[in-house]
């Protein structure tokens, strides 16, 4: 996974991944939830201005 992660990070991109967990197979979309939690944690390390941009983009996408 590092061979994919490093080029993306070098271009200021975000890399997220989720892993199937046999003990959470009864939780719908558990691996997607894990991946998006990873994205949120990465976004929270950004400057406040960048977080506001993500907030606006997200609100536009959900139509609010």
PDB file of N, CA and C in Angstrom:
ATOM      1  N   UNK A   1       0.824  -1.189   0.000  1.00  0.00           N
ATOM      2  CA  UNK A   1       0.000   0.000   0.000  1.00  0.00           C
ATOM      3  C   UNK A   1       0.870   1.256   0.000  1.00  0.00           C
ATOM      4  N   UNK A   2       2.066   1.171   0.546  1.00  0.00           N
ATOM      5  CA  UNK A   2       2.946   2.341   0.599  1.00  0.00           C
ATOM      6  C   UNK A   2       3.305   2.839  -0.797  1.00  0.00           C
ATOM      7  N   UNK A   3       3.408   1.909  -1.763  1.00  0.00           N
ATOM      8  CA  UNK A   3       3.759   2.328  -3.119  1.00  0.00           C
ATOM      9  C   UNK A   3       2.683   3.194  -3.750  1.00  0.00           C
ATOM     10  N   UNK A   4       1.461   3.127  -3.258  1.00  0.00           N
ATOM     11  CA  UNK A   4       0.374   3.984  -3.734  1.00  0.00           C
ATOM     12  C   UNK A   4       0.268   5.225  -2.865  1.00  0.00           C
ATOM     13  N   UNK A   5       0.449   5.050  -1.581  1.00  0.00           N
ATOM     14  CA  UNK A   5       0.266   6.128  -0.613  1.00  0.00           C
ATOM     15  C   UNK A   5       1.261   7.269  -0.814  1.00  0.00           C
ATOM     16  N   UNK A   6       2.528   6.962  -1.039  1.00  0.00           N
ATOM     17  CA  UNK A   6       3.555   8.007  -1.141  1.00  0.00           C
ATOM     18  C   UNK A   6       3.354   8.950  -2.329  1.00  0.00           C
ATOM     19  N   UNK A   7       3.082   8.459  -3.553  1.00  0.00           N
ATOM     20  CA  UNK A   7       2.863   9.399  -4.665  1.00  0.00           C
ATOM     21  C   UNK A   7       1.641  10.296  -4.459  1.00  0.00           C
ATOM     22  N   UNK A   8       0.607   9.768  -3.861  1.00  0.00           N
ATOM     23  CA  UNK A   8      -0.598  10.563  -3.618  1.00  0.00           C
ATOM     24  C   UNK A   8      -0.311  11.644  -2.582  1.00  0.00           C
ATOM     25  N   UNK A   9       0.352  11.266  -1.499  1.00  0.00           N
ATOM     26  CA  UNK A   9       0.685  12.233  -0.456  1.00  0.00           C
ATOM     27  C   UNK A   9       1.638  13.300  -0.944  1.00  0.00           C
ATOM     28  N   UNK A  10       2.549  12.930  -1.848  1.00  0.00           N
ATOM     29  CA  UNK A  10       3.493  13.890  -2.405  1.00  0.00           C
ATOM     30  C   UNK A  10       2.825  14.949  -3.259  1.00  0.00           C
ATOM     31  N   UNK A  11       1.648  14.639  -3.775  1.00  0.00           N
ATOM     32  CA  UNK A  11       0.900  15.598  -4.586  1.00  0.00           C
ATOM     33  C   UNK A  11      -0.199  16.277  -3.772  1.00  0.00           C
ATOM     34  N   UNK A  12      -0.094  16.220  -2.462  1.00  0.00           N
ATOM     35  CA  UNK A  12      -1.064  16.820  -1.528  1.00  0.00           C
ATOM     36  C   UNK A  12      -2.450  16.197  -1.672  1.00  0.00           C
ATOM     37  N   UNK A  13      -2.485  14.932  -2.034  1.00  0.00           N
ATOM     38  CA  UNK A  13      -3.749  14.210  -2.129  1.00  0.00           C
ATOM     39  C   UNK A  13      -4.054  13.514  -0.816  1.00  0.00           C
ATOM     40  N   UNK A  14      -5.212  12.924  -0.746  1.00  0.00           N
ATOM     41  CA  UNK A  14      -5.625  12.195   0.442  1.00  0.00           C
ATOM     42  C   UNK A  14      -5.777  10.729   0.079  1.00  0.00           C
ATOM     43  N   UNK A  15      -5.208   9.873   0.884  1.00  0.00           N
ATOM     44  CA  UNK A  15      -5.306   8.437   0.661  1.00  0.00           C
ATOM     45  C   UNK A  15      -6.131   7.846   1.789  1.00  0.00           C
ATOM     46  N   UNK A  16      -7.207   7.137   1.426  1.00  0.00           N
ATOM     47  CA  UNK A  16      -8.018   6.479   2.442  1.00  0.00           C
ATOM     48  C   UNK A  16      -8.147   5.011   2.075  1.00  0.00           C
ATOM     49  N   UNK A  17      -8.297   4.190   3.096  1.00  0.00           N
ATOM     50  CA  UNK A  17      -8.449   2.757   2.866  1.00  0.00           C
ATOM     51  C   UNK A  17      -9.311   2.176   3.974  1.00  0.00           C
ATOM     52  N   UNK A  18     -10.079   1.194   3.631  1.00  0.00           N
ATOM     53  CA  UNK A  18     -10.868   0.450   4.602  1.00  0.00           C
ATOM     54  C   UNK A  18     -10.571  -1.018   4.437  1.00  0.00           C
ATOM     55  N   UNK A  19     -10.640  -1.754   5.505  1.00  0.00           N
ATOM     56  CA  UNK A  19     -10.301  -3.171   5.461  1.00  0.00           C
ATOM     57  C   UNK A  19     -11.481  -3.989   5.959  1.00  0.00           C
ATOM     58  N   UNK A  20     -11.772  -5.061   5.252  1.00  0.00           N
ATOM     59  CA  UNK A  20     -12.846  -5.950   5.675  1.00  0.00           C
ATOM     60  C   UNK A  20     -12.466  -6.593   6.996  1.00  0.00           C
ATOM     61  N   UNK A  21     -13.386  -6.584   7.938  1.00  0.00           N
ATOM     62  CA  UNK A  21     -13.183  -7.209   9.247  1.00  0.00           C
ATOM     63  C   UNK A  21     -14.262  -8.273   9.428  1.00  0.00           C
ATOM     64  N   UNK A  22     -13.842  -9.511   9.549  1.00  0.00           N
ATOM     65  CA  UNK A  22     -14.806 -10.596   9.644  1.00  0.00           C
ATOM     66  C   UNK A  22     -15.720 -10.474  10.857  1.00  0.00           C
ATOM     67  N   UNK A  23     -15.273  -9.779  11.884  1.00  0.00           N
ATOM     68  CA  UNK A  23     -16.091  -9.624  13.082  1.00  0.00           C
ATOM     69  C   UNK A  23     -17.117  -8.495  12.949  1.00  0.00           C
ATOM     70  N   UNK A  24     -16.982  -7.693  11.918  1.00  0.00           N
ATOM     71  CA  UNK A  24     -17.939  -6.615  11.674  1.00  0.00           C
ATOM     72  C   UNK A  24     -18.732  -6.863  10.399  1.00  0.00           C
ATOM     73  N   UNK A  25     -18.822  -8.114   9.982  1.00  0.00           N
ATOM     74  CA  UNK A  25     -19.520  -8.404   8.727  1.00  0.00           C
ATOM     75  C   UNK A  25     -21.009  -8.109   8.815  1.00  0.00           C
ATOM     76  N   UNK A  26     -21.555  -7.994  10.030  1.00  0.00           N
ATOM     77  CA  UNK A  26     -22.965  -7.652  10.184  1.00  0.00           C
ATOM     78  C   UNK A  26     -23.200  -6.138  10.173  1.00  0.00           C
ATOM     79  N   UNK A  27     -22.126  -5.346  10.086  1.00  0.00           N
ATOM     80  CA  UNK A  27     -22.234  -3.890  10.020  1.00  0.00           C
ATOM     81  C   UNK A  27     -22.161  -3.479   8.545  1.00  0.00           C
ATOM     82  N   UNK A  28     -23.260  -2.964   8.002  1.00  0.00           N
ATOM     83  CA  UNK A  28     -23.246  -2.581   6.592  1.00  0.00           C
ATOM     84  C   UNK A  28     -22.202  -1.497   6.319  1.00  0.00           C
ATOM     85  N   UNK A  29     -21.438  -1.676   5.272  1.00  0.00           N
ATOM     86  CA  UNK A  29     -20.461  -0.690   4.814  1.00  0.00           C
ATOM     87  C   UNK A  29     -19.394  -0.367   5.859  1.00  0.00           C
ATOM     88  N   UNK A  30     -19.038  -1.309   6.709  1.00  0.00           N
ATOM     89  CA  UNK A  30     -18.058  -1.068   7.775  1.00  0.00           C
ATOM     90  C   UNK A  30     -16.714  -0.611   7.210  1.00  0.00           C
ATOM     91  N   UNK A  31     -16.278  -1.193   6.106  1.00  0.00           N
ATOM     92  CA  UNK A  31     -14.979  -0.794   5.548  1.00  0.00           C
ATOM     93  C   UNK A  31     -15.037   0.614   4.959  1.00  0.00           C
ATOM     94  N   UNK A  32     -16.191   1.001   4.384  1.00  0.00           N
ATOM     95  CA  UNK A  32     -16.325   2.376   3.883  1.00  0.00           C
ATOM     96  C   UNK A  32     -16.335   3.376   5.041  1.00  0.00           C
ATOM     97  N   UNK A  33     -17.003   3.016   6.113  1.00  0.00           N
ATOM     98  CA  UNK A  33     -17.032   3.884   7.292  1.00  0.00           C
ATOM     99  C   UNK A  33     -15.617   4.079   7.816  1.00  0.00           C
ATOM    100  N   UNK A  34     -14.857   3.000   7.883  1.00  0.00           N
ATOM    101  CA  UNK A  34     -13.470   3.068   8.348  1.00  0.00           C
ATOM    102  C   UNK A  34     -12.642   3.980   7.438  1.00  0.00           C
ATOM    103  N   UNK A  35     -12.840   3.866   6.137  1.00  0.00           N
ATOM    104  CA  UNK A  35     -12.089   4.681   5.187  1.00  0.00           C
ATOM    105  C   UNK A  35     -12.436   6.161   5.340  1.00  0.00           C
ATOM    106  N   UNK A  36     -13.705   6.478   5.482  1.00  0.00           N
ATOM    107  CA  UNK A  36     -14.094   7.881   5.619  1.00  0.00           C
ATOM    108  C   UNK A  36     -13.680   8.466   6.964  1.00  0.00           C
ATOM    109  N   UNK A  37     -13.622   7.648   8.008  1.00  0.00           N
ATOM    110  CA  UNK A  37     -13.077   8.129   9.284  1.00  0.00           C
ATOM    111  C   UNK A  37     -11.622   8.532   9.103  1.00  0.00           C
ATOM    112  N   UNK A  38     -10.891   7.739   8.318  1.00  0.00           N
ATOM    113  CA  UNK A  38      -9.493   8.057   8.031  1.00  0.00           C
ATOM    114  C   UNK A  38      -9.384   9.395   7.299  1.00  0.00           C
ATOM    115  N   UNK A  39     -10.271   9.620   6.335  1.00  0.00           N
ATOM    116  CA  UNK A  39     -10.274  10.893   5.606  1.00  0.00           C
ATOM    117  C   UNK A  39     -10.559  12.057   6.544  1.00  0.00           C
ATOM    118  N   UNK A  40     -11.535  11.912   7.403  1.00  0.00           N
ATOM    119  CA  UNK A  40     -11.889  12.991   8.336  1.00  0.00           C
ATOM    120  C   UNK A  40     -10.714  13.314   9.252  1.00  0.00           C
ATOM    121  N   UNK A  41     -10.027  12.283   9.747  1.00  0.00           N
ATOM    122  CA  UNK A  41      -8.867  12.538  10.600  1.00  0.00           C
ATOM    123  C   UNK A  41      -7.770  13.277   9.835  1.00  0.00           C
ATOM    124  N   UNK A  42      -7.579  12.944   8.555  1.00  0.00           N
ATOM    125  CA  UNK A  42      -6.595  13.660   7.748  1.00  0.00           C
ATOM    126  C   UNK A  42      -7.011  15.111   7.534  1.00  0.00           C
ATOM    127  N   UNK A  43      -8.282  15.330   7.272  1.00  0.00           N
ATOM    128  CA  UNK A  43      -8.767  16.695   7.035  1.00  0.00           C
ATOM    129  C   UNK A  43      -8.635  17.566   8.272  1.00  0.00           C
ATOM    130  N   UNK A  44      -8.826  16.973   9.441  1.00  0.00           N
ATOM    131  CA  UNK A  44      -8.751  17.752  10.680  1.00  0.00           C
ATOM    132  C   UNK A  44      -7.336  18.204  11.013  1.00  0.00           C
ATOM    133  N   UNK A  45      -6.351  17.692  10.298  1.00  0.00           N
ATOM    134  CA  UNK A  45      -4.978  18.161  10.511  1.00  0.00           C
ATOM    135  C   UNK A  45      -4.660  19.369   9.631  1.00  0.00           C
ATOM    136  N   UNK A  46      -5.589  19.751   8.774  1.00  0.00           N
ATOM    137  CA  UNK A  46      -5.384  20.887   7.867  1.00  0.00           C
ATOM    138  C   UNK A  46      -5.620  22.216   8.596  1.00  0.00           C
ATOM    139  N   UNK A  47      -5.210  23.279   7.935  1.00  0.00           N
ATOM    140  CA  UNK A  47      -5.455  24.629   8.477  1.00  0.00           C
ATOM    141  C   UNK A  47      -6.953  24.907   8.478  1.00  0.00           C
ATOM    142  N   UNK A  48      -7.379  25.853   9.289  1.00  0.00           N
ATOM    143  CA  UNK A  48      -8.803  26.199   9.401  1.00  0.00           C
ATOM    144  C   UNK A  48      -9.401  26.618   8.065  1.00  0.00           C
ATOM    145  N   UNK A  49      -8.643  27.345   7.268  1.00  0.00           N
ATOM    146  CA  UNK A  49      -9.155  27.798   5.964  1.00  0.00           C
ATOM    147  C   UNK A  49      -9.452  26.601   5.059  1.00  0.00           C
ATOM    148  N   UNK A  50      -8.577  25.611   5.067  1.00  0.00           N
ATOM    149  CA  UNK A  50      -8.780  24.423   4.242  1.00  0.00           C
ATOM    150  C   UNK A  50      -9.976  23.613   4.743  1.00  0.00           C
ATOM    151  N   UNK A  51     -10.150  23.558   6.048  1.00  0.00           N
ATOM    152  CA  UNK A  51     -11.303  22.845   6.616  1.00  0.00           C
ATOM    153  C   UNK A  51     -12.607  23.532   6.194  1.00  0.00           C
ATOM    154  N   UNK A  52     -12.618  24.862   6.177  1.00  0.00           N
ATOM    155  CA  UNK A  52     -13.809  25.599   5.752  1.00  0.00           C
ATOM    156  C   UNK A  52     -14.131  25.325   4.283  1.00  0.00           C
ATOM    157  N   UNK A  53     -13.105  25.200   3.462  1.00  0.00           N
ATOM    158  CA  UNK A  53     -13.327  24.871   2.047  1.00  0.00           C
ATOM    159  C   UNK A  53     -13.982  23.502   1.925  1.00  0.00           C
ATOM    160  N   UNK A  54     -13.477  22.533   2.672  1.00  0.00           N
ATOM    161  CA  UNK A  54     -14.075  21.190   2.650  1.00  0.00           C
ATOM    162  C   UNK A  54     -15.509  21.219   3.162  1.00  0.00           C
ATOM    163  N   UNK A  55     -15.764  22.047   4.171  1.00  0.00           N
ATOM    164  CA  UNK A  55     -17.122  22.160   4.712  1.00  0.00           C
ATOM    165  C   UNK A  55     -18.076  22.692   3.650  1.00  0.00           C
ATOM    166  N   UNK A  56     -17.655  23.729   2.944  1.00  0.00           N
ATOM    167  CA  UNK A  56     -18.503  24.319   1.895  1.00  0.00           C
ATOM    168  C   UNK A  56     -18.743  23.311   0.772  1.00  0.00           C
ATOM    169  N   UNK A  57     -17.684  22.632   0.335  1.00  0.00           N
ATOM    170  CA  UNK A  57     -17.835  21.637  -0.723  1.00  0.00           C
ATOM    171  C   UNK A  57     -18.785  20.524  -0.304  1.00  0.00           C
ATOM    172  N   UNK A  58     -18.677  20.085   0.938  1.00  0.00           N
ATOM    173  CA  UNK A  58     -19.546  19.014   1.430  1.00  0.00           C
ATOM    174  C   UNK A  58     -21.003  19.475   1.475  1.00  0.00           C
ATOM    175  N   UNK A  59     -21.235  20.674   1.967  1.00  0.00           N
ATOM    176  CA  UNK A  59     -22.598  21.188   2.032  1.00  0.00           C
ATOM    177  C   UNK A  59     -23.203  21.350   0.642  1.00  0.00           C
ATOM    178  N   UNK A  60     -22.390  21.776  -0.316  1.00  0.00           N
ATOM    179  CA  UNK A  60     -22.874  21.885  -1.696  1.00  0.00           C
ATOM    180  C   UNK A  60     -23.267  20.512  -2.233  1.00  0.00           C
ATOM    181  N   UNK A  61     -22.440  19.518  -1.952  1.00  0.00           N
ATOM    182  CA  UNK A  61     -22.711  18.153  -2.455  1.00  0.00           C
ATOM    183  C   UNK A  61     -23.995  17.567  -1.879  1.00  0.00           C
ATOM    184  N   UNK A  62     -24.300  17.885  -0.630  1.00  0.00           N
ATOM    185  CA  UNK A  62     -25.514  17.306  -0.036  1.00  0.00           C
ATOM    186  C   UNK A  62     -26.729  18.230  -0.231  1.00  0.00           C
ATOM    187  N   UNK A  63     -26.488  19.361  -0.874  1.00  0.00           N
ATOM    188  CA  UNK A  63     -27.588  20.234  -1.248  1.00  0.00           C
ATOM    189  C   UNK A  63     -28.123  21.149  -0.158  1.00  0.00           C
ATOM    190  N   UNK A  64     -27.271  21.586   0.748  1.00  0.00           N
ATOM    191  CA  UNK A  64     -27.704  22.509   1.806  1.00  0.00           C
ATOM    192  C   UNK A  64     -27.058  23.846   1.643  1.00  0.00           C
TER     193      UNK A  64
END
